[in-house]
Amino acid sequence: MSPYQHNGFIGNDIKLWIDNNRQHHGDIFGIAEKFNSDCYAALGKATPHNKDKRELIVSCLFPRTMELFQGT
């Protein structure tokens, strides 16, 4: 695969970056993984009502927010 500068996270360079940073900042990675897991558990339990526009909006935006969090 191409370097990170050409394909972003699809490239192999990100694996090296993750390994290096996980060694130095393992506690932060652990917190982020726990937060991610907790959020997806809450998302799985959500039951938005189709007549409440606020619930529908939140149920659509929350997964997108989680995708952005994972990308970050």
N, C-alpha and C. Protein backbone atom coordinates (compact mmCIF):
# COMPACT_ATOMS: atom_id res chain seq x y z
N MET A 1 0.83 -1.19 0.00
CA MET A 1 0.00 0.00 0.00
C MET A 1 0.86 1.25 0.00
N SER A 2 0.26 2.31 -0.39
CA SER A 2 0.98 3.58 -0.46
C SER A 2 1.25 4.15 0.93
N PRO A 3 2.20 5.08 1.01
CA PRO A 3 2.47 5.72 2.30
C PRO A 3 1.28 6.55 2.79
N TYR A 4 1.30 6.88 4.08
CA TYR A 4 0.21 7.62 4.73
C TYR A 4 -0.13 8.90 3.98
N GLN A 5 0.88 9.60 3.49
CA GLN A 5 0.64 10.88 2.81
C GLN A 5 -0.24 10.73 1.58
N HIS A 6 -0.31 9.54 1.01
CA HIS A 6 -1.10 9.33 -0.21
C HIS A 6 -2.47 8.70 0.07
N ASN A 7 -2.55 7.83 1.07
CA ASN A 7 -3.80 7.12 1.32
C ASN A 7 -4.30 7.20 2.74
N GLY A 8 -3.71 8.01 3.58
CA GLY A 8 -4.19 8.15 4.95
C GLY A 8 -4.13 6.85 5.71
N PHE A 9 -5.20 6.54 6.43
CA PHE A 9 -5.22 5.38 7.30
C PHE A 9 -5.18 4.05 6.56
N ILE A 10 -5.39 4.08 5.26
CA ILE A 10 -5.36 2.84 4.49
C ILE A 10 -3.92 2.34 4.34
N GLY A 11 -2.95 3.24 4.40
CA GLY A 11 -1.55 2.86 4.21
C GLY A 11 -0.98 2.09 5.39
N ASN A 12 0.16 1.46 5.17
CA ASN A 12 0.83 0.66 6.21
C ASN A 12 1.53 1.51 7.26
N ASP A 13 1.86 2.75 6.94
CA ASP A 13 2.58 3.60 7.88
C ASP A 13 1.81 3.81 9.18
N ILE A 14 0.50 3.78 9.12
CA ILE A 14 -0.30 4.02 10.33
C ILE A 14 -0.08 2.92 11.36
N LYS A 15 0.20 1.70 10.92
CA LYS A 15 0.44 0.60 11.87
C LYS A 15 1.68 0.88 12.71
N LEU A 16 2.72 1.38 12.09
CA LEU A 16 3.95 1.72 12.80
C LEU A 16 3.68 2.87 13.77
N TRP A 17 2.95 3.88 13.33
CA TRP A 17 2.62 5.02 14.18
C TRP A 17 1.83 4.55 15.41
N ILE A 18 0.85 3.68 15.21
CA ILE A 18 0.04 3.18 16.32
C ILE A 18 0.91 2.41 17.31
N ASP A 19 1.75 1.52 16.81
CA ASP A 19 2.62 0.74 17.70
C ASP A 19 3.53 1.64 18.53
N ASN A 20 4.14 2.62 17.89
CA ASN A 20 5.03 3.55 18.59
C ASN A 20 4.29 4.36 19.65
N ASN A 21 3.13 4.86 19.29
CA ASN A 21 2.39 5.71 20.23
C ASN A 21 1.71 4.90 21.32
N ARG A 22 1.32 3.68 21.04
CA ARG A 22 0.71 2.85 22.06
C ARG A 22 1.73 2.53 23.15
N GLN A 23 2.99 2.34 22.76
CA GLN A 23 4.04 2.06 23.74
C GLN A 23 4.25 3.25 24.67
N HIS A 24 4.18 4.46 24.14
CA HIS A 24 4.45 5.66 24.92
C HIS A 24 3.20 6.22 25.62
N HIS A 25 2.04 5.95 25.09
CA HIS A 25 0.80 6.54 25.61
C HIS A 25 -0.28 5.47 25.77
N GLY A 26 0.10 4.32 26.30
CA GLY A 26 -0.83 3.20 26.44
C GLY A 26 -2.05 3.54 27.28
N ASP A 27 -1.86 4.39 28.33
CA ASP A 27 -2.99 4.74 29.18
C ASP A 27 -4.05 5.52 28.41
N ILE A 28 -3.64 6.39 27.53
CA ILE A 28 -4.59 7.18 26.74
C ILE A 28 -5.33 6.27 25.75
N PHE A 29 -4.60 5.36 25.12
CA PHE A 29 -5.24 4.42 24.20
C PHE A 29 -6.26 3.56 24.96
N GLY A 30 -5.93 3.15 26.17
CA GLY A 30 -6.84 2.35 26.98
C GLY A 30 -8.13 3.10 27.31
N ILE A 31 -7.98 4.36 27.68
CA ILE A 31 -9.16 5.19 27.98
C ILE A 31 -10.02 5.36 26.74
N ALA A 32 -9.39 5.61 25.60
CA ALA A 32 -10.13 5.80 24.35
C ALA A 32 -10.87 4.52 23.96
N GLU A 33 -10.22 3.37 24.13
CA GLU A 33 -10.87 2.10 23.79
C GLU A 33 -12.05 1.81 24.71
N LYS A 34 -11.91 2.13 26.00
CA LYS A 34 -13.01 1.93 26.95
C LYS A 34 -14.18 2.86 26.61
N PHE A 35 -13.88 4.12 26.33
CA PHE A 35 -14.91 5.09 25.95
C PHE A 35 -15.65 4.62 24.71
N ASN A 36 -14.90 4.16 23.72
CA ASN A 36 -15.48 3.66 22.48
C ASN A 36 -16.41 2.48 22.75
N SER A 37 -15.95 1.56 23.57
CA SER A 37 -16.74 0.38 23.91
C SER A 37 -18.02 0.76 24.65
N ASP A 38 -17.91 1.66 25.61
CA ASP A 38 -19.07 2.11 26.38
C ASP A 38 -20.10 2.81 25.49
N CYS A 39 -19.62 3.64 24.57
CA CYS A 39 -20.53 4.37 23.68
C CYS A 39 -21.27 3.41 22.75
N TYR A 40 -20.57 2.42 22.22
CA TYR A 40 -21.24 1.48 21.33
C TYR A 40 -22.21 0.58 22.10
N ALA A 41 -21.92 0.30 23.36
CA ALA A 41 -22.87 -0.46 24.18
C ALA A 41 -24.14 0.36 24.39
N ALA A 42 -23.98 1.66 24.67
CA ALA A 42 -25.14 2.54 24.83
C ALA A 42 -25.91 2.66 23.52
N LEU A 43 -25.20 2.75 22.42
CA LEU A 43 -25.84 2.86 21.11
C LEU A 43 -26.67 1.62 20.80
N GLY A 44 -26.18 0.47 21.18
CA GLY A 44 -26.90 -0.78 20.95
C GLY A 44 -28.19 -0.89 21.75
N LYS A 45 -28.27 -0.16 22.86
CA LYS A 45 -29.45 -0.20 23.71
C LYS A 45 -30.46 0.90 23.36
N ALA A 46 -30.07 1.81 22.50
CA ALA A 46 -30.95 2.94 22.17
C ALA A 46 -32.16 2.47 21.35
N THR A 47 -33.30 3.01 21.69
CA THR A 47 -34.53 2.70 20.95
C THR A 47 -35.27 4.02 20.66
N PRO A 48 -34.80 4.75 19.67
CA PRO A 48 -35.45 6.03 19.37
C PRO A 48 -36.87 5.83 18.83
N HIS A 49 -37.73 6.75 19.19
CA HIS A 49 -39.11 6.72 18.71
C HIS A 49 -39.19 7.47 17.39
N ASN A 50 -39.88 6.92 16.44
CA ASN A 50 -39.91 7.52 15.11
C ASN A 50 -40.73 8.81 15.03
N LYS A 51 -41.41 9.18 16.10
CA LYS A 51 -42.19 10.42 16.08
C LYS A 51 -41.48 11.56 16.80
N ASP A 52 -40.38 11.28 17.45
CA ASP A 52 -39.63 12.31 18.17
C ASP A 52 -38.42 12.71 17.32
N LYS A 53 -38.50 13.89 16.73
CA LYS A 53 -37.44 14.32 15.81
C LYS A 53 -36.09 14.45 16.51
N ARG A 54 -36.08 14.88 17.76
CA ARG A 54 -34.80 15.00 18.48
C ARG A 54 -34.14 13.63 18.65
N GLU A 55 -34.93 12.64 19.00
CA GLU A 55 -34.37 11.29 19.16
C GLU A 55 -33.85 10.76 17.83
N LEU A 56 -34.55 11.03 16.75
CA LEU A 56 -34.09 10.57 15.43
C LEU A 56 -32.79 11.24 15.03
N ILE A 57 -32.71 12.54 15.28
CA ILE A 57 -31.50 13.28 14.93
C ILE A 57 -30.31 12.76 15.74
N VAL A 58 -30.51 12.60 17.03
CA VAL A 58 -29.42 12.10 17.89
C VAL A 58 -29.03 10.69 17.49
N SER A 59 -30.02 9.85 17.17
CA SER A 59 -29.70 8.47 16.80
C SER A 59 -28.94 8.39 15.48
N CYS A 60 -29.07 9.40 14.64
CA CYS A 60 -28.31 9.44 13.39
C CYS A 60 -26.93 10.07 13.59
N LEU A 61 -26.86 11.10 14.40
CA LEU A 61 -25.59 11.82 14.57
C LEU A 61 -24.63 11.11 15.52
N PHE A 62 -25.15 10.39 16.50
CA PHE A 62 -24.28 9.72 17.46
C PHE A 62 -23.33 8.72 16.80
N PRO A 63 -23.83 7.82 15.93
CA PRO A 63 -22.89 6.90 15.27
C PRO A 63 -21.86 7.63 14.40
N ARG A 64 -22.28 8.70 13.77
CA ARG A 64 -21.34 9.49 12.95
C ARG A 64 -20.27 10.11 13.83
N THR A 65 -20.66 10.61 14.98
CA THR A 65 -19.72 11.18 15.93
C THR A 65 -18.71 10.12 16.38
N MET A 66 -19.19 8.91 16.61
CA MET A 66 -18.30 7.83 17.01
C MET A 66 -17.31 7.48 15.91
N GLU A 67 -17.75 7.53 14.66
CA GLU A 67 -16.84 7.28 13.55
C GLU A 67 -15.74 8.34 13.52
N LEU A 68 -16.12 9.59 13.76
CA LEU A 68 -15.13 10.67 13.79
C LEU A 68 -14.17 10.50 14.97
N PHE A 69 -14.69 10.08 16.11
CA PHE A 69 -13.85 9.81 17.27
C PHE A 69 -12.83 8.72 16.95
N GLN A 70 -13.29 7.64 16.32
CA GLN A 70 -12.38 6.54 15.97
C GLN A 70 -11.30 7.02 14.99
N GLY A 71 -11.70 7.85 14.04
CA GLY A 71 -10.74 8.38 13.07
C GLY A 71 -9.70 9.26 13.73
N THR A 72 -10.15 10.00 14.74
CA THR A 72 -9.23 10.88 15.45
C THR A 72 -8.25 10.06 16.25
